[in-house]
Structures are given as structure tokens and as C-alpha cells.
Amino acid sequence: MPAPQRVTTDALAAAAREIAERDGIDAVTVSAVAAAVGVRPPSLYKHVAHRHDLLRLAADDAARELGADVATVVGSSADPAVVLTGIAHAVRAFSVRAPRAAALLFSAPSPEAGPSASALSPLIETLLAAVRTATAGDDPLPAARTLTAWVYGFCTMEQAGAFQLGGSVDEAFEFGLTTLVGALTGGPRGS
């Protein structure tokens, strides 16, 4: 009879995310995750081939978490502008609470370290459906890419302390978001 499995995929993902958030993505190693889950490094090779597999587990977990946040927003209103605004706020909130996990979602160090298609697909489909409802175009992909790039870019600059012109960063986010959502939906522009 084989020995019971001591390590779960969920435990590996949680450990990888915790290490990434605390010490940075480069700190997520087979040795560090093994120590975090209480096993020796060779034991992890039964579950993963290399550190990028650990990063992918963390990215998949992050994709599911953000996907649930976005799905909640999408289900909360029938107003497309409210939904797009809510999605942007959800991404920003996620980036604040899990900046390294957000980096794995949007700019992983390699394709193998980013989220798998199966984990990312529900988030993408929810986002595309929301954008399709909000825009008059047949193809929601350009609008979804624009919204995502603007929000993640803003969050990345915010976390890096790159806004050095003074004023309120929150007000700047709202101005940019109102302007972008207005452009995507044909509604009012920011003032």
C-alpha cells in the first residue's frame, strides 16, 4: 500500500503565492516551497518538474481568485459602464492585495510560469462577455485588451511609486477609468 500523499496542489500553490508575495517571485524555488510545505525538495519532484511549474500553480490560483472577483462584479449590475468600472476596481484591488500574483497573471517571467489556459479561460471569457455587452463592436478583444492594459499598467506604476507629479493617485485612477469606460461605451468622458 503506497504512503499517503503529504502534499497537495493547493498547498503548493498557496506556499508559492505566500513566498512570492513576501519575498518576491525570484524567491519561489523548489527548496523554498518544499520547506514551506514541510517536505524535502526531492519530494516535490513527484508533483512538479521545476520552479516554473510552481509559479504556474500560483498563477492558476491567482487566475481563479481574480476570475471569481470579476464574475461577482459582472453579476452585480446590468449597466455595462458600471460593470467595466467594477472590473477595473476588482483588478486594482487584486493588484493591491496580491501584487506578485498579479504580475504572474499579466507579466510572468516565462510562458511556462504564467497561468494555464484552463485556469485563465473563465476569467477571459467573463471579461470578454462583459466588454461585448458594453461595446457596440463585434470583436470585444481590442477593448478588453485596452481596459486590461490600462488598469494593470496603472497598478504597476502605482506599486512602483512612479506617480511623482503630486495630487491624488485615486483621483487619477478614477479620471482615467471614467475616460476609458466612456470611450469604450460611448458614454461621458472624464472631467
C-alpha atoms as a PDB file:
ATOM      1  CA  MET A   1       0.000   0.000   0.000  1.00  0.00           C
ATOM      2  CA  PRO A   2       1.506   3.363  -1.014  1.00  0.00           C
ATOM      3  CA  ALA A   3       2.183   6.024   1.569  1.00  0.00           C
ATOM      4  CA  PRO A   4      -0.471   8.745   1.758  1.00  0.00           C
ATOM      5  CA  GLN A   5       0.267  11.858  -0.260  1.00  0.00           C
ATOM      6  CA  ARG A   6       1.511  14.570   2.063  1.00  0.00           C
ATOM      7  CA  VAL A   7       1.477  17.444  -0.393  1.00  0.00           C
ATOM      8  CA  THR A   8      -1.491  18.757  -2.336  1.00  0.00           C
ATOM      9  CA  THR A   9      -1.562  21.004  -5.367  1.00  0.00           C
ATOM     10  CA  ASP A  10      -3.497  23.568  -3.335  1.00  0.00           C
ATOM     11  CA  ALA A  11      -0.810  23.550  -0.649  1.00  0.00           C
ATOM     12  CA  LEU A  12       1.922  24.041  -3.247  1.00  0.00           C
ATOM     13  CA  ALA A  13       0.034  26.917  -4.868  1.00  0.00           C
ATOM     14  CA  ALA A  14      -0.592  28.571  -1.508  1.00  0.00           C
ATOM     15  CA  ALA A  15       3.050  28.197  -0.477  1.00  0.00           C
ATOM     16  CA  ALA A  16       4.317  29.552  -3.796  1.00  0.00           C
ATOM     17  CA  ARG A  17       1.983  32.552  -3.582  1.00  0.00           C
ATOM     18  CA  GLU A  18       2.927  33.267   0.021  1.00  0.00           C
ATOM     19  CA  ILE A  19       6.644  33.149  -0.772  1.00  0.00           C
ATOM     20  CA  ALA A  20       6.173  35.318  -3.875  1.00  0.00           C
ATOM     21  CA  GLU A  21       4.185  37.961  -2.002  1.00  0.00           C
ATOM     22  CA  ARG A  22       6.562  38.014   0.943  1.00  0.00           C
ATOM     23  CA  ASP A  23       9.947  37.660  -0.762  1.00  0.00           C
ATOM     24  CA  GLY A  24       9.397  38.175  -4.498  1.00  0.00           C
ATOM     25  CA  ILE A  25       8.839  35.904  -7.461  1.00  0.00           C
ATOM     26  CA  ASP A  26      12.532  35.023  -7.702  1.00  0.00           C
ATOM     27  CA  ALA A  27      12.333  33.569  -4.180  1.00  0.00           C
ATOM     28  CA  VAL A  28       9.861  30.891  -5.311  1.00  0.00           C
ATOM     29  CA  THR A  29      12.137  27.890  -5.630  1.00  0.00           C
ATOM     30  CA  VAL A  30      11.624  24.164  -5.228  1.00  0.00           C
ATOM     31  CA  SER A  31      13.635  24.301  -1.999  1.00  0.00           C
ATOM     32  CA  ALA A  32      11.678  27.236  -0.557  1.00  0.00           C
ATOM     33  CA  VAL A  33       8.290  25.707  -1.381  1.00  0.00           C
ATOM     34  CA  ALA A  34       9.380  22.303  -0.075  1.00  0.00           C
ATOM     35  CA  ALA A  35      10.394  23.902   3.222  1.00  0.00           C
ATOM     36  CA  ALA A  36       7.090  25.787   3.380  1.00  0.00           C
ATOM     37  CA  VAL A  37       5.034  22.613   2.975  1.00  0.00           C
ATOM     38  CA  GLY A  38       7.281  20.590   5.273  1.00  0.00           C
ATOM     39  CA  VAL A  39       8.926  18.155   2.867  1.00  0.00           C
ATOM     40  CA  ARG A  40      12.352  17.692   1.347  1.00  0.00           C
ATOM     41  CA  PRO A  41      12.929  19.163  -2.120  1.00  0.00           C
ATOM     42  CA  PRO A  42      13.183  15.779  -3.893  1.00  0.00           C
ATOM     43  CA  SER A  43       9.641  15.006  -2.707  1.00  0.00           C
ATOM     44  CA  LEU A  44       8.285  17.938  -4.734  1.00  0.00           C
ATOM     45  CA  TYR A  45       9.541  16.444  -7.967  1.00  0.00           C
ATOM     46  CA  LYS A  46       6.689  13.969  -7.682  1.00  0.00           C
ATOM     47  CA  HIS A  47       4.386  16.977  -8.214  1.00  0.00           C
ATOM     48  CA  VAL A  48       6.361  19.469 -10.318  1.00  0.00           C
ATOM     49  CA  ALA A  49       9.241  19.270 -12.779  1.00  0.00           C
ATOM     50  CA  HIS A  50      10.770  22.687 -11.979  1.00  0.00           C
ATOM     51  CA  ARG A  51      10.138  26.065 -10.371  1.00  0.00           C
ATOM     52  CA  HIS A  52       8.105  27.343 -13.305  1.00  0.00           C
ATOM     53  CA  ASP A  53       5.555  24.653 -12.503  1.00  0.00           C
ATOM     54  CA  LEU A  54       5.315  26.126  -9.004  1.00  0.00           C
ATOM     55  CA  LEU A  55       4.865  29.606 -10.451  1.00  0.00           C
ATOM     56  CA  ARG A  56       2.176  28.272 -12.791  1.00  0.00           C
ATOM     57  CA  LEU A  57       0.320  26.764  -9.812  1.00  0.00           C
ATOM     58  CA  ALA A  58       0.437  30.165  -8.107  1.00  0.00           C
ATOM     59  CA  ALA A  59      -0.666  31.917 -11.318  1.00  0.00           C
ATOM     60  CA  ASP A  60      -3.524  29.445 -11.806  1.00  0.00           C
ATOM     61  CA  ASP A  61      -4.666  30.056  -8.252  1.00  0.00           C
ATOM     62  CA  ALA A  62      -4.491  33.813  -8.837  1.00  0.00           C
ATOM     63  CA  ALA A  63      -6.467  33.491 -12.093  1.00  0.00           C
ATOM     64  CA  ARG A  64      -9.214  31.607 -10.286  1.00  0.00           C
ATOM     65  CA  GLU A  65      -9.304  34.183  -7.471  1.00  0.00           C
ATOM     66  CA  LEU A  66      -9.431  37.192  -9.800  1.00  0.00           C
ATOM     67  CA  GLY A  67     -11.898  35.341 -12.023  1.00  0.00           C
ATOM     68  CA  ALA A  68     -14.255  34.906  -9.079  1.00  0.00           C
ATOM     69  CA  ASP A  69     -13.899  38.602  -8.203  1.00  0.00           C
ATOM     70  CA  VAL A  70     -14.662  39.657 -11.779  1.00  0.00           C
ATOM     71  CA  ALA A  71     -17.596  37.236 -12.078  1.00  0.00           C
ATOM     72  CA  THR A  72     -19.099  38.758  -8.936  1.00  0.00           C
ATOM     73  CA  VAL A  73     -18.797  42.233 -10.436  1.00  0.00           C
ATOM     74  CA  VAL A  74     -20.304  41.147 -13.747  1.00  0.00           C
ATOM     75  CA  GLY A  75     -23.275  39.604 -11.955  1.00  0.00           C
ATOM     76  CA  SER A  76     -23.884  42.694  -9.838  1.00  0.00           C
ATOM     77  CA  SER A  77     -25.246  45.103 -12.456  1.00  0.00           C
ATOM     78  CA  ALA A  78     -26.883  45.253 -15.856  1.00  0.00           C
ATOM     79  CA  ASP A  79     -25.271  48.636 -16.607  1.00  0.00           C
ATOM     80  CA  PRO A  80     -22.241  47.963 -18.852  1.00  0.00           C
ATOM     81  CA  ALA A  81     -20.348  51.067 -17.683  1.00  0.00           C
ATOM     82  CA  VAL A  82     -20.846  50.057 -14.055  1.00  0.00           C
ATOM     83  CA  VAL A  83     -19.608  46.552 -14.877  1.00  0.00           C
ATOM     84  CA  LEU A  84     -16.452  47.748 -16.666  1.00  0.00           C
ATOM     85  CA  THR A  85     -15.742  50.179 -13.842  1.00  0.00           C
ATOM     86  CA  GLY A  86     -16.256  47.382 -11.313  1.00  0.00           C
ATOM     87  CA  ILE A  87     -13.920  45.072 -13.220  1.00  0.00           C
ATOM     88  CA  ALA A  88     -11.214  47.736 -13.172  1.00  0.00           C
ATOM     89  CA  HIS A  89     -11.691  48.234  -9.438  1.00  0.00           C
ATOM     90  CA  ALA A  90     -11.551  44.460  -8.897  1.00  0.00           C
ATOM     91  CA  VAL A  91      -8.273  44.195 -10.803  1.00  0.00           C
ATOM     92  CA  ARG A  92      -6.829  47.129  -8.866  1.00  0.00           C
ATOM     93  CA  ALA A  93      -7.920  45.647  -5.533  1.00  0.00           C
ATOM     94  CA  PHE A  94      -6.404  42.295  -6.505  1.00  0.00           C
ATOM     95  CA  SER A  95      -3.161  44.005  -7.539  1.00  0.00           C
ATOM     96  CA  VAL A  96      -3.002  45.758  -4.169  1.00  0.00           C
ATOM     97  CA  ARG A  97      -3.598  42.637  -2.087  1.00  0.00           C
ATOM     98  CA  ALA A  98      -1.512  40.301  -4.286  1.00  0.00           C
ATOM     99  CA  PRO A  99       0.903  42.335  -6.418  1.00  0.00           C
ATOM    100  CA  ARG A 100       3.223  39.435  -7.191  1.00  0.00           C
ATOM    101  CA  ALA A 101       0.332  37.141  -8.129  1.00  0.00           C
ATOM    102  CA  ALA A 102      -0.967  39.906 -10.413  1.00  0.00           C
ATOM    103  CA  ALA A 103       2.476  40.063 -12.018  1.00  0.00           C
ATOM    104  CA  LEU A 104       2.305  36.320 -12.673  1.00  0.00           C
ATOM    105  CA  LEU A 105      -1.065  36.797 -14.363  1.00  0.00           C
ATOM    106  CA  PHE A 106      -0.084  39.707 -16.566  1.00  0.00           C
ATOM    107  CA  SER A 107       3.706  39.524 -16.960  1.00  0.00           C
ATOM    108  CA  ALA A 108       5.057  36.147 -15.866  1.00  0.00           C
ATOM    109  CA  PRO A 109       8.821  35.645 -16.220  1.00  0.00           C
ATOM    110  CA  SER A 110       8.178  32.996 -18.898  1.00  0.00           C
ATOM    111  CA  PRO A 111       5.181  31.425 -20.643  1.00  0.00           C
ATOM    112  CA  GLU A 112       5.676  28.292 -18.544  1.00  0.00           C
ATOM    113  CA  ALA A 113       5.377  30.351 -15.349  1.00  0.00           C
ATOM    114  CA  GLY A 114       2.170  32.112 -16.344  1.00  0.00           C
ATOM    115  CA  PRO A 115      -1.345  30.843 -15.860  1.00  0.00           C
ATOM    116  CA  SER A 116      -2.506  27.814 -17.815  1.00  0.00           C
ATOM    117  CA  ALA A 117      -5.143  28.273 -20.481  1.00  0.00           C
ATOM    118  CA  SER A 118      -7.616  26.213 -18.468  1.00  0.00           C
ATOM    119  CA  ALA A 119      -7.249  28.406 -15.373  1.00  0.00           C
ATOM    120  CA  LEU A 120      -7.267  31.674 -17.310  1.00  0.00           C
ATOM    121  CA  SER A 121     -10.126  30.808 -19.658  1.00  0.00           C
ATOM    122  CA  PRO A 122     -13.026  31.528 -17.250  1.00  0.00           C
ATOM    123  CA  LEU A 123     -11.574  34.952 -16.399  1.00  0.00           C
ATOM    124  CA  ILE A 124     -11.030  35.790 -20.067  1.00  0.00           C
ATOM    125  CA  GLU A 125     -14.493  34.610 -21.095  1.00  0.00           C
ATOM    126  CA  THR A 126     -16.144  36.638 -18.330  1.00  0.00           C
ATOM    127  CA  LEU A 127     -14.137  39.728 -19.273  1.00  0.00           C
ATOM    128  CA  LEU A 128     -14.885  39.342 -22.992  1.00  0.00           C
ATOM    129  CA  ALA A 129     -18.593  38.843 -22.329  1.00  0.00           C
ATOM    130  CA  ALA A 130     -18.697  41.999 -20.186  1.00  0.00           C
ATOM    131  CA  VAL A 131     -16.843  44.033 -22.796  1.00  0.00           C
ATOM    132  CA  ARG A 132     -19.016  42.641 -25.602  1.00  0.00           C
ATOM    133  CA  THR A 133     -22.094  43.834 -23.705  1.00  0.00           C
ATOM    134  CA  ALA A 134     -20.551  47.253 -23.078  1.00  0.00           C
ATOM    135  CA  THR A 135     -19.273  47.976 -26.562  1.00  0.00           C
ATOM    136  CA  ALA A 136     -21.027  48.076 -29.886  1.00  0.00           C
ATOM    137  CA  GLY A 137     -18.221  46.273 -31.718  1.00  0.00           C
ATOM    138  CA  ASP A 138     -18.392  42.696 -32.897  1.00  0.00           C
ATOM    139  CA  ASP A 139     -14.958  41.789 -31.548  1.00  0.00           C
ATOM    140  CA  PRO A 140     -14.558  42.599 -27.842  1.00  0.00           C
ATOM    141  CA  LEU A 141     -10.870  41.627 -27.764  1.00  0.00           C
ATOM    142  CA  PRO A 142      -9.345  45.048 -28.597  1.00  0.00           C
ATOM    143  CA  ALA A 143     -11.489  46.769 -25.951  1.00  0.00           C
ATOM    144  CA  ALA A 144     -10.749  44.068 -23.361  1.00  0.00           C
ATOM    145  CA  ARG A 145      -7.028  44.358 -24.072  1.00  0.00           C
ATOM    146  CA  THR A 146      -7.178  48.147 -23.773  1.00  0.00           C
ATOM    147  CA  LEU A 147      -9.019  48.025 -20.443  1.00  0.00           C
ATOM    148  CA  THR A 148      -6.739  45.338 -19.029  1.00  0.00           C
ATOM    149  CA  ALA A 149      -3.539  47.023 -20.194  1.00  0.00           C
ATOM    150  CA  TRP A 150      -4.576  50.395 -18.785  1.00  0.00           C
ATOM    151  CA  VAL A 151      -5.631  49.021 -15.407  1.00  0.00           C
ATOM    152  CA  TYR A 152      -2.606  46.765 -14.971  1.00  0.00           C
ATOM    153  CA  GLY A 153      -0.241  49.471 -16.203  1.00  0.00           C
ATOM    154  CA  PHE A 154      -1.730  51.956 -13.763  1.00  0.00           C
ATOM    155  CA  CYS A 155      -1.435  49.432 -10.918  1.00  0.00           C
ATOM    156  CA  THR A 156       2.171  48.627 -11.808  1.00  0.00           C
ATOM    157  CA  MET A 157       3.112  52.305 -11.795  1.00  0.00           C
ATOM    158  CA  GLU A 158       1.211  52.849  -8.552  1.00  0.00           C
ATOM    159  CA  GLN A 159       3.006  49.992  -6.803  1.00  0.00           C
ATOM    160  CA  ALA A 160       6.371  51.243  -8.061  1.00  0.00           C
ATOM    161  CA  GLY A 161       5.687  54.720  -6.655  1.00  0.00           C
ATOM    162  CA  ALA A 162       6.036  56.105 -10.162  1.00  0.00           C
ATOM    163  CA  PHE A 163       3.387  58.820  -9.859  1.00  0.00           C
ATOM    164  CA  GLN A 164       5.577  61.741  -8.821  1.00  0.00           C
ATOM    165  CA  LEU A 165       3.540  64.711 -10.055  1.00  0.00           C
ATOM    166  CA  GLY A 166       1.573  65.174  -6.857  1.00  0.00           C
ATOM    167  CA  GLY A 167      -2.168  65.059  -6.475  1.00  0.00           C
ATOM    168  CA  SER A 168      -4.317  62.115  -5.630  1.00  0.00           C
ATOM    169  CA  VAL A 169      -3.488  58.806  -7.296  1.00  0.00           C
ATOM    170  CA  ASP A 170      -7.028  57.627  -6.521  1.00  0.00           C
ATOM    171  CA  GLU A 171      -8.456  60.652  -8.345  1.00  0.00           C
ATOM    172  CA  ALA A 172      -6.134  59.978 -11.279  1.00  0.00           C
ATOM    173  CA  PHE A 173      -7.324  56.371 -11.409  1.00  0.00           C
ATOM    174  CA  GLU A 174     -10.967  57.460 -11.410  1.00  0.00           C
ATOM    175  CA  PHE A 175     -10.336  60.097 -14.072  1.00  0.00           C
ATOM    176  CA  GLY A 176      -8.552  57.632 -16.333  1.00  0.00           C
ATOM    177  CA  LEU A 177     -11.134  54.943 -15.730  1.00  0.00           C
ATOM    178  CA  THR A 178     -14.086  57.255 -16.392  1.00  0.00           C
ATOM    179  CA  THR A 179     -12.417  58.457 -19.587  1.00  0.00           C
ATOM    180  CA  LEU A 180     -11.629  54.928 -20.773  1.00  0.00           C
ATOM    181  CA  VAL A 181     -15.025  53.447 -19.909  1.00  0.00           C
ATOM    182  CA  GLY A 182     -16.687  56.419 -21.575  1.00  0.00           C
ATOM    183  CA  ALA A 183     -14.664  55.816 -24.722  1.00  0.00           C
ATOM    184  CA  LEU A 184     -15.441  52.100 -24.712  1.00  0.00           C
ATOM    185  CA  THR A 185     -19.164  52.515 -24.100  1.00  0.00           C
ATOM    186  CA  GLY A 186     -19.769  55.774 -25.949  1.00  0.00           C
ATOM    187  CA  GLY A 187     -20.735  57.411 -22.637  1.00  0.00           C
ATOM    188  CA  PRO A 188     -19.438  60.509 -20.842  1.00  0.00           C
ATOM    189  CA  ARG A 189     -15.726  61.264 -20.667  1.00  0.00           C
ATOM    190  CA  GLY A 190     -13.791  62.119 -17.518  1.00  0.00           C
ATOM    191  CA  SER A 191     -13.573  65.742 -16.474  1.00  0.00           C
END
